[in-house]
C-alpha atoms as a PDB file:
ATOM      1  CA  GLN A   1     -64.061  22.137  45.232  1.00  0.00           C
ATOM      2  CA  VAL A   2     -63.052  18.596  45.688  1.00  0.00           C
ATOM      3  CA  GLN A   3     -64.310  15.612  43.745  1.00  0.00           C
ATOM      4  CA  LEU A   4     -64.443  12.371  45.321  1.00  0.00           C
ATOM      5  CA  VAL A   5     -65.014   8.849  43.529  1.00  0.00           C
ATOM      6  CA  GLU A   6     -65.226   5.722  45.681  1.00  0.00           C
ATOM      7  CA  SER A   7     -64.531   2.289  44.240  1.00  0.00           C
ATOM      8  CA  GLY A   8     -63.972  -1.247  45.575  1.00  0.00           C
ATOM      9  CA  GLY A   9     -67.387  -2.146  46.891  1.00  0.00           C
ATOM     10  CA  GLY A  10     -68.886  -5.504  46.098  1.00  0.00           C
ATOM     11  CA  LEU A  11     -70.472  -8.594  47.308  1.00  0.00           C
ATOM     12  CA  VAL A  12     -68.541 -10.812  49.826  1.00  0.00           C
ATOM     13  CA  GLN A  13     -69.315 -13.535  52.262  1.00  0.00           C
ATOM     14  CA  ALA A  14     -69.288 -13.080  55.888  1.00  0.00           C
ATOM     15  CA  GLY A  15     -65.652 -13.127  57.330  1.00  0.00           C
ATOM     16  CA  GLY A  16     -64.109 -11.871  53.972  1.00  0.00           C
ATOM     17  CA  SER A  17     -62.490  -8.675  53.219  1.00  0.00           C
ATOM     18  CA  LEU A  18     -62.767  -5.717  50.836  1.00  0.00           C
ATOM     19  CA  ARG A  19     -60.711  -2.513  50.362  1.00  0.00           C
ATOM     20  CA  LEU A  20     -62.439   0.624  49.388  1.00  0.00           C
ATOM     21  CA  SER A  21     -60.673   3.438  47.574  1.00  0.00           C
ATOM     22  CA  CYS A  22     -61.671   7.163  47.331  1.00  0.00           C
ATOM     23  CA  ALA A  23     -59.771   9.032  44.592  1.00  0.00           C
ATOM     24  CA  ALA A  24     -59.748  12.865  45.109  1.00  0.00           C
ATOM     25  CA  SER A  25     -59.351  15.512  42.553  1.00  0.00           C
ATOM     26  CA  GLY A  26     -59.649  19.339  42.573  1.00  0.00           C
ATOM     27  CA  ARG A  27     -58.191  21.184  45.630  1.00  0.00           C
ATOM     28  CA  THR A  28     -54.973  19.885  47.437  1.00  0.00           C
ATOM     29  CA  PHE A  29     -55.876  16.600  48.972  1.00  0.00           C
ATOM     30  CA  SER A  30     -53.615  16.796  51.814  1.00  0.00           C
ATOM     31  CA  ASN A  31     -55.207  19.880  53.024  1.00  0.00           C
ATOM     32  CA  TYR A  32     -58.270  17.786  54.081  1.00  0.00           C
ATOM     33  CA  PRO A  33     -58.969  15.504  56.942  1.00  0.00           C
ATOM     34  CA  MET A  34     -60.938  12.550  55.460  1.00  0.00           C
ATOM     35  CA  GLY A  35     -63.661  10.146  56.726  1.00  0.00           C
ATOM     36  CA  TRP A  36     -65.652   7.119  55.660  1.00  0.00           C
ATOM     37  CA  PHE A  37     -69.453   6.964  56.496  1.00  0.00           C
ATOM     38  CA  ARG A  38     -72.001   4.277  55.696  1.00  0.00           C
ATOM     39  CA  GLN A  39     -75.747   4.167  55.264  1.00  0.00           C
ATOM     40  CA  ALA A  40     -77.794   0.911  55.562  1.00  0.00           C
ATOM     41  CA  PRO A  41     -81.436   0.859  54.014  1.00  0.00           C
ATOM     42  CA  GLY A  42     -83.860   2.535  56.465  1.00  0.00           C
ATOM     43  CA  LYS A  43     -81.032   3.787  58.680  1.00  0.00           C
ATOM     44  CA  GLU A  44     -79.374   7.152  59.136  1.00  0.00           C
ATOM     45  CA  ARG A  45     -75.810   7.680  57.865  1.00  0.00           C
ATOM     46  CA  GLU A  46     -73.310   6.674  60.386  1.00  0.00           C
ATOM     47  CA  PHE A  47     -69.668   7.244  60.895  1.00  0.00           C
ATOM     48  CA  VAL A  48     -67.004   4.649  60.165  1.00  0.00           C
ATOM     49  CA  ALA A  49     -63.586   6.012  60.373  1.00  0.00           C
ATOM     50  CA  ALA A  50     -61.502   9.195  59.981  1.00  0.00           C
ATOM     51  CA  ILE A  51     -57.927  10.194  59.309  1.00  0.00           C
ATOM     52  CA  SER A  52     -55.963  13.240  59.812  1.00  0.00           C
ATOM     53  CA  ASN A  53     -54.373  15.381  56.819  1.00  0.00           C
ATOM     54  CA  SER A  54     -51.048  13.666  57.376  1.00  0.00           C
ATOM     55  CA  GLY A  55     -52.363  10.247  58.076  1.00  0.00           C
ATOM     56  CA  GLY A  56     -50.773  10.171  61.420  1.00  0.00           C
ATOM     57  CA  SER A  57     -53.955  10.037  63.391  1.00  0.00           C
ATOM     58  CA  THR A  58     -57.208   7.842  63.003  1.00  0.00           C
ATOM     59  CA  LYS A  59     -60.373   7.193  64.751  1.00  0.00           C
ATOM     60  CA  TYR A  60     -63.015   4.372  64.429  1.00  0.00           C
ATOM     61  CA  ALA A  61     -66.571   3.703  65.238  1.00  0.00           C
ATOM     62  CA  ASP A  62     -66.737   1.213  67.960  1.00  0.00           C
ATOM     63  CA  SER A  63     -68.641  -1.326  65.640  1.00  0.00           C
ATOM     64  CA  VAL A  64     -65.530  -1.435  63.304  1.00  0.00           C
ATOM     65  CA  LYS A  65     -62.442  -0.964  65.601  1.00  0.00           C
ATOM     66  CA  GLY A  66     -60.156  -3.747  65.175  1.00  0.00           C
ATOM     67  CA  ARG A  67     -61.655  -4.947  61.785  1.00  0.00           C
ATOM     68  CA  PHE A  68     -61.438  -1.837  59.685  1.00  0.00           C
ATOM     69  CA  THR A  69     -58.232   0.198  58.946  1.00  0.00           C
ATOM     70  CA  ILE A  70     -58.296   3.679  57.217  1.00  0.00           C
ATOM     71  CA  SER A  71     -55.212   4.995  55.444  1.00  0.00           C
ATOM     72  CA  ARG A  72     -54.204   7.504  52.830  1.00  0.00           C
ATOM     73  CA  ASP A  73     -51.766   8.129  50.137  1.00  0.00           C
ATOM     74  CA  ASN A  74     -51.314  11.897  49.612  1.00  0.00           C
ATOM     75  CA  ALA A  75     -49.077  11.382  46.726  1.00  0.00           C
ATOM     76  CA  LYS A  76     -51.865   9.465  44.970  1.00  0.00           C
ATOM     77  CA  ASN A  77     -54.738  11.672  46.407  1.00  0.00           C
ATOM     78  CA  THR A  78     -56.599   8.439  47.702  1.00  0.00           C
ATOM     79  CA  VAL A  79     -57.864   7.469  50.969  1.00  0.00           C
ATOM     80  CA  TYR A  80     -58.575   3.779  51.670  1.00  0.00           C
ATOM     81  CA  LEU A  81     -60.864   1.739  53.959  1.00  0.00           C
ATOM     82  CA  GLN A  82     -59.473  -1.846  54.462  1.00  0.00           C
ATOM     83  CA  MET A  83     -62.346  -4.010  55.774  1.00  0.00           C
ATOM     84  CA  ASN A  84     -61.608  -7.338  57.312  1.00  0.00           C
ATOM     85  CA  SER A  85     -63.853  -9.973  59.240  1.00  0.00           C
ATOM     86  CA  LEU A  86     -66.958  -8.475  57.456  1.00  0.00           C
ATOM     87  CA  LYS A  87     -70.345  -9.237  59.032  1.00  0.00           C
ATOM     88  CA  PRO A  88     -73.770  -8.930  57.341  1.00  0.00           C
ATOM     89  CA  GLU A  89     -74.366  -5.755  59.559  1.00  0.00           C
ATOM     90  CA  ASP A  90     -71.647  -3.909  57.478  1.00  0.00           C
ATOM     91  CA  THR A  91     -73.860  -4.132  54.594  1.00  0.00           C
ATOM     92  CA  ALA A  92     -74.390  -0.544  53.404  1.00  0.00           C
ATOM     93  CA  VAL A  93     -73.549   2.183  50.953  1.00  0.00           C
ATOM     94  CA  TYR A  94     -70.068   3.556  51.894  1.00  0.00           C
ATOM     95  CA  TYR A  95     -69.171   7.126  51.316  1.00  0.00           C
ATOM     96  CA  CYS A  96     -65.809   9.041  51.600  1.00  0.00           C
ATOM     97  CA  ALA A  97     -65.787  12.666  52.702  1.00  0.00           C
ATOM     98  CA  ALA A  98     -63.433  15.477  52.937  1.00  0.00           C
ATOM     99  CA  GLY A  99     -63.684  17.211  56.269  1.00  0.00           C
ATOM    100  CA  LEU A 100     -63.448  20.637  57.904  1.00  0.00           C
ATOM    101  CA  VAL A 101     -62.485  19.267  61.261  1.00  0.00           C
ATOM    102  CA  THR A 102     -59.632  16.679  62.056  1.00  0.00           C
ATOM    103  CA  LEU A 103     -61.190  13.300  63.122  1.00  0.00           C
ATOM    104  CA  GLY A 104     -64.634  14.553  62.939  1.00  0.00           C
ATOM    105  CA  ALA A 105     -67.341  11.906  63.380  1.00  0.00           C
ATOM    106  CA  ARG A 106     -70.494  13.841  62.358  1.00  0.00           C
ATOM    107  CA  SER A 107     -71.760  14.312  58.912  1.00  0.00           C
ATOM    108  CA  TYR A 108     -71.930  18.159  59.105  1.00  0.00           C
ATOM    109  CA  GLU A 109     -68.070  18.300  59.909  1.00  0.00           C
ATOM    110  CA  TYR A 110     -67.541  17.122  56.258  1.00  0.00           C
ATOM    111  CA  LYS A 111     -67.770  19.522  53.285  1.00  0.00           C
ATOM    112  CA  TYR A 112     -67.386  17.192  50.112  1.00  0.00           C
ATOM    113  CA  TRP A 113     -68.902  13.735  49.564  1.00  0.00           C
ATOM    114  CA  GLY A 114     -68.438  11.053  47.005  1.00  0.00           C
ATOM    115  CA  GLN A 115     -71.432   9.211  45.318  1.00  0.00           C
ATOM    116  CA  GLY A 116     -70.989   6.090  47.382  1.00  0.00           C
ATOM    117  CA  THR A 117     -70.138   2.382  46.597  1.00  0.00           C
ATOM    118  CA  GLN A 118     -72.440  -0.585  47.848  1.00  0.00           C
ATOM    119  CA  VAL A 119     -70.924  -3.134  50.047  1.00  0.00           C
ATOM    120  CA  THR A 120     -73.033  -6.327  50.660  1.00  0.00           C
ATOM    121  CA  VAL A 121     -71.955  -9.011  53.044  1.00  0.00           C
ATOM    122  CA  SER A 122     -73.836 -12.352  52.929  1.00  0.00           C
ATOM    123  CA  SER A 123     -74.345 -14.595  55.715  1.00  0.00           C
END
């Protein structure tokens, strides 16, 4: 079992930045590839970014490529999502997840999920 707790969400103006954190506890964090997903009101959950166990490989949704950066610190059992140049369409609840597949982009490829953190971008 892995417990995940996200933090760092909030309200920011368009063009601003936020850094989300996801702290893991339970089983060995470095065993798991990690990902970030988001869900906006009335929409399905969508893939944002993923990172391999070691942190050496990453993958991004086209909508965030060049603006968001995923990283991890296995010594701190934490994965991060640095979000720059935020847009109103980035408004959503952001979830981190511990995966079964390296660089998976589908929800079913992740086994453990956090409770989510709200990100709101005003125009």
